[in-house]
N, C-alpha and C. Protein backbone atom coordinates (compact mmCIF):
# COMPACT_ATOMS: atom_id res chain seq x y z
N UNK A 1 81.55 96.18 2.02
CA UNK A 1 82.23 96.82 3.13
C UNK A 1 81.42 96.67 4.41
N UNK A 2 82.11 96.41 5.47
CA UNK A 2 81.43 96.28 6.76
C UNK A 2 81.10 97.66 7.33
N UNK A 3 80.17 97.67 8.26
CA UNK A 3 79.82 98.93 8.92
C UNK A 3 81.03 99.55 9.61
N UNK A 4 81.88 98.69 10.21
CA UNK A 4 83.06 99.19 10.92
C UNK A 4 84.00 99.88 9.93
N UNK A 5 84.17 99.31 8.75
CA UNK A 5 85.05 99.91 7.75
C UNK A 5 84.50 101.26 7.29
N UNK A 6 83.21 101.34 7.11
CA UNK A 6 82.58 102.61 6.71
C UNK A 6 82.80 103.66 7.81
N UNK A 7 82.56 103.28 9.06
CA UNK A 7 82.78 104.21 10.18
C UNK A 7 84.24 104.62 10.28
N UNK A 8 85.14 103.68 10.03
CA UNK A 8 86.57 103.96 10.07
C UNK A 8 86.93 104.99 8.99
N UNK A 9 86.44 104.79 7.78
CA UNK A 9 86.73 105.72 6.70
C UNK A 9 86.16 107.11 6.99
N UNK A 10 85.00 107.15 7.62
CA UNK A 10 84.42 108.43 8.02
C UNK A 10 85.30 109.11 9.08
N UNK A 11 85.81 108.31 10.02
CA UNK A 11 86.68 108.85 11.06
C UNK A 11 87.98 109.38 10.47
N UNK A 12 88.51 108.71 9.46
CA UNK A 12 89.72 109.17 8.79
C UNK A 12 89.46 110.54 8.15
N UNK A 13 88.33 110.67 7.47
CA UNK A 13 87.97 111.95 6.87
C UNK A 13 87.79 113.03 7.94
N UNK A 14 87.16 112.67 9.04
CA UNK A 14 86.94 113.61 10.13
C UNK A 14 88.26 114.06 10.75
N UNK A 15 89.22 113.14 10.85
CA UNK A 15 90.51 113.46 11.47
C UNK A 15 91.23 114.58 10.72
N UNK A 16 90.96 114.71 9.44
CA UNK A 16 91.60 115.74 8.63
C UNK A 16 90.90 117.09 8.76
N UNK A 17 89.75 117.10 9.45
CA UNK A 17 88.98 118.34 9.58
C UNK A 17 88.79 118.76 11.04
N UNK A 18 89.57 118.21 11.94
CA UNK A 18 89.46 118.60 13.35
C UNK A 18 89.75 120.09 13.49
N UNK A 19 88.97 120.75 14.32
CA UNK A 19 89.13 122.19 14.49
C UNK A 19 90.42 122.54 15.24
N UNK A 20 90.80 121.71 16.18
CA UNK A 20 92.04 121.94 16.93
C UNK A 20 93.04 120.83 16.60
N UNK A 21 94.29 121.22 16.42
CA UNK A 21 95.32 120.22 16.14
C UNK A 21 95.58 119.41 17.40
N UNK A 22 95.51 118.07 17.30
CA UNK A 22 95.80 117.24 18.47
C UNK A 22 97.25 117.39 18.92
N UNK A 23 97.50 117.10 20.19
CA UNK A 23 98.88 117.16 20.69
C UNK A 23 99.68 116.00 20.10
N UNK A 24 100.98 116.01 20.34
CA UNK A 24 101.87 115.01 19.73
C UNK A 24 101.51 113.58 20.12
N UNK A 25 101.13 113.37 21.39
CA UNK A 25 100.76 112.03 21.83
C UNK A 25 99.53 111.53 21.07
N UNK A 26 98.55 112.40 20.90
CA UNK A 26 97.34 112.02 20.16
C UNK A 26 97.67 111.76 18.69
N UNK A 27 98.55 112.58 18.12
CA UNK A 27 98.93 112.37 16.72
C UNK A 27 99.63 111.03 16.53
N UNK A 28 100.49 110.66 17.48
CA UNK A 28 101.16 109.35 17.40
C UNK A 28 100.14 108.22 17.52
N UNK A 29 99.16 108.38 18.39
CA UNK A 29 98.12 107.37 18.56
C UNK A 29 97.29 107.24 17.28
N UNK A 30 96.93 108.38 16.70
CA UNK A 30 96.18 108.37 15.43
C UNK A 30 96.97 107.63 14.36
N UNK A 31 98.25 107.97 14.23
CA UNK A 31 99.11 107.33 13.24
C UNK A 31 99.21 105.83 13.46
N UNK A 32 99.51 105.44 14.70
CA UNK A 32 99.74 104.02 14.98
C UNK A 32 98.46 103.20 14.80
N UNK A 33 97.33 103.73 15.23
CA UNK A 33 96.07 103.00 15.05
C UNK A 33 95.71 102.88 13.57
N UNK A 34 95.95 103.94 12.80
CA UNK A 34 95.69 103.89 11.36
C UNK A 34 96.55 102.81 10.70
N UNK A 35 97.83 102.81 11.02
CA UNK A 35 98.74 101.82 10.43
C UNK A 35 98.36 100.39 10.84
N UNK A 36 98.02 100.20 12.11
CA UNK A 36 97.64 98.87 12.59
C UNK A 36 96.37 98.41 11.89
N UNK A 37 95.43 99.33 11.68
CA UNK A 37 94.15 98.99 11.05
C UNK A 37 94.31 98.68 9.58
N UNK A 38 95.22 99.36 8.90
CA UNK A 38 95.33 99.23 7.46
C UNK A 38 96.46 98.31 6.99
N UNK A 39 97.52 98.19 7.79
CA UNK A 39 98.68 97.39 7.39
C UNK A 39 98.84 96.14 8.25
N UNK A 40 98.56 96.27 9.54
CA UNK A 40 98.79 95.17 10.47
C UNK A 40 99.99 95.48 11.34
N UNK A 41 100.61 94.44 11.87
CA UNK A 41 101.76 94.62 12.76
C UNK A 41 102.90 95.35 12.07
N UNK A 42 103.64 96.12 12.88
CA UNK A 42 104.77 96.89 12.36
C UNK A 42 105.75 95.97 11.65
N UNK A 43 106.36 96.50 10.60
CA UNK A 43 107.32 95.74 9.81
C UNK A 43 108.60 96.55 9.65
N UNK A 44 109.69 95.87 9.37
CA UNK A 44 110.95 96.56 9.13
C UNK A 44 111.74 96.77 10.40
N UNK A 45 112.87 97.43 10.21
CA UNK A 45 113.77 97.70 11.32
C UNK A 45 113.41 99.02 12.00
N UNK A 46 113.71 99.08 13.28
CA UNK A 46 113.48 100.31 14.05
C UNK A 46 114.44 101.38 13.56
N UNK A 47 113.94 102.58 13.26
CA UNK A 47 114.81 103.67 12.80
C UNK A 47 115.89 104.01 13.83
N UNK A 48 116.95 104.61 13.36
CA UNK A 48 118.07 104.99 14.21
C UNK A 48 117.71 106.07 15.22
N UNK A 49 118.59 106.23 16.21
CA UNK A 49 118.33 107.15 17.30
C UNK A 49 118.21 108.61 16.85
N UNK A 50 118.85 108.97 15.77
CA UNK A 50 118.84 110.36 15.34
C UNK A 50 117.58 110.72 14.56
N UNK A 51 116.82 109.75 14.14
CA UNK A 51 115.57 110.02 13.42
C UNK A 51 114.43 109.94 14.44
N UNK A 52 114.29 111.00 15.22
CA UNK A 52 113.38 111.01 16.36
C UNK A 52 111.92 110.77 15.96
N UNK A 53 111.46 111.42 14.91
CA UNK A 53 110.06 111.31 14.50
C UNK A 53 109.75 109.90 14.02
N UNK A 54 110.57 109.38 13.13
CA UNK A 54 110.34 108.04 12.59
C UNK A 54 110.42 106.99 13.71
N UNK A 55 111.34 107.19 14.63
CA UNK A 55 111.49 106.25 15.75
C UNK A 55 110.25 106.28 16.65
N UNK A 56 109.74 107.47 16.93
CA UNK A 56 108.55 107.61 17.77
C UNK A 56 107.34 106.95 17.08
N UNK A 57 107.21 107.16 15.78
CA UNK A 57 106.11 106.54 15.04
C UNK A 57 106.23 105.01 15.06
N UNK A 58 107.44 104.52 14.83
CA UNK A 58 107.68 103.08 14.84
C UNK A 58 107.33 102.48 16.20
N UNK A 59 107.79 103.12 17.26
CA UNK A 59 107.54 102.62 18.61
C UNK A 59 106.05 102.62 18.96
N UNK A 60 105.36 103.69 18.55
CA UNK A 60 103.92 103.77 18.82
C UNK A 60 103.17 102.66 18.09
N UNK A 61 103.57 102.41 16.85
CA UNK A 61 102.93 101.35 16.07
C UNK A 61 103.29 99.99 16.64
N UNK A 62 104.55 99.79 17.01
CA UNK A 62 104.99 98.50 17.55
C UNK A 62 104.26 98.16 18.84
N UNK A 63 103.86 99.16 19.60
CA UNK A 63 103.14 98.94 20.86
C UNK A 63 101.78 98.28 20.63
N UNK A 64 101.27 98.35 19.41
CA UNK A 64 99.96 97.77 19.08
C UNK A 64 100.06 96.37 18.49
N UNK A 65 101.27 95.81 18.48
CA UNK A 65 101.48 94.50 17.87
C UNK A 65 100.50 93.48 18.43
N UNK A 66 99.88 92.73 17.52
CA UNK A 66 98.94 91.69 17.91
C UNK A 66 97.49 92.14 17.90
N UNK A 67 97.26 93.45 17.87
CA UNK A 67 95.90 93.98 17.83
C UNK A 67 95.32 93.72 16.43
N UNK A 68 94.08 93.28 16.38
CA UNK A 68 93.46 93.00 15.09
C UNK A 68 93.12 94.30 14.38
N UNK A 69 92.89 94.18 13.09
CA UNK A 69 92.49 95.34 12.30
C UNK A 69 91.19 95.95 12.83
N UNK A 70 90.23 95.10 13.15
CA UNK A 70 88.95 95.60 13.66
C UNK A 70 89.10 96.31 15.00
N UNK A 71 89.95 95.78 15.88
CA UNK A 71 90.19 96.43 17.16
C UNK A 71 90.82 97.80 16.95
N UNK A 72 91.80 97.87 16.04
CA UNK A 72 92.46 99.14 15.76
C UNK A 72 91.49 100.14 15.13
N UNK A 73 90.65 99.67 14.23
CA UNK A 73 89.66 100.56 13.61
C UNK A 73 88.72 101.14 14.66
N UNK A 74 88.24 100.30 15.57
CA UNK A 74 87.33 100.78 16.60
C UNK A 74 88.02 101.77 17.52
N UNK A 75 89.26 101.48 17.89
CA UNK A 75 90.01 102.40 18.75
C UNK A 75 90.25 103.73 18.04
N UNK A 76 90.52 103.67 16.75
CA UNK A 76 90.72 104.88 15.95
C UNK A 76 89.44 105.72 15.94
N UNK A 77 88.32 105.07 15.67
CA UNK A 77 87.02 105.76 15.64
C UNK A 77 86.76 106.42 16.98
N UNK A 78 86.97 105.68 18.07
CA UNK A 78 86.74 106.21 19.42
C UNK A 78 87.64 107.41 19.71
N UNK A 79 88.90 107.32 19.30
CA UNK A 79 89.84 108.41 19.54
C UNK A 79 89.42 109.66 18.78
N UNK A 80 89.08 109.52 17.53
CA UNK A 80 88.67 110.68 16.73
C UNK A 80 87.40 111.30 17.30
N UNK A 81 86.47 110.47 17.74
CA UNK A 81 85.24 110.99 18.37
C UNK A 81 85.58 111.80 19.61
N UNK A 82 86.53 111.32 20.40
CA UNK A 82 86.90 112.04 21.64
C UNK A 82 87.60 113.37 21.32
N UNK A 83 88.27 113.45 20.19
CA UNK A 83 88.98 114.67 19.82
C UNK A 83 88.04 115.72 19.21
N UNK A 84 86.87 115.29 18.77
CA UNK A 84 85.91 116.23 18.18
C UNK A 84 85.27 117.13 19.23
N UNK A 85 85.29 116.71 20.48
CA UNK A 85 84.60 117.43 21.55
C UNK A 85 85.36 118.64 22.02
């Protein structure tokens, strides 16, 4: 495992123990960066208009299209670090 992967896994664990719940925008960013880092570019069809949560998650993830796994991992780590403060 690379150092970045270890740091990413630590950040994932830390994200579950944040003292304050992040706002919705931060939660979408956390979700999309995690998915980009672990799965890659968004796949499947965009959810329908009435499924607001799934559509927001899809759109947030789709916005990261083309970003490498390592870039997403680093961004995720940086975001979680900023939320710890």
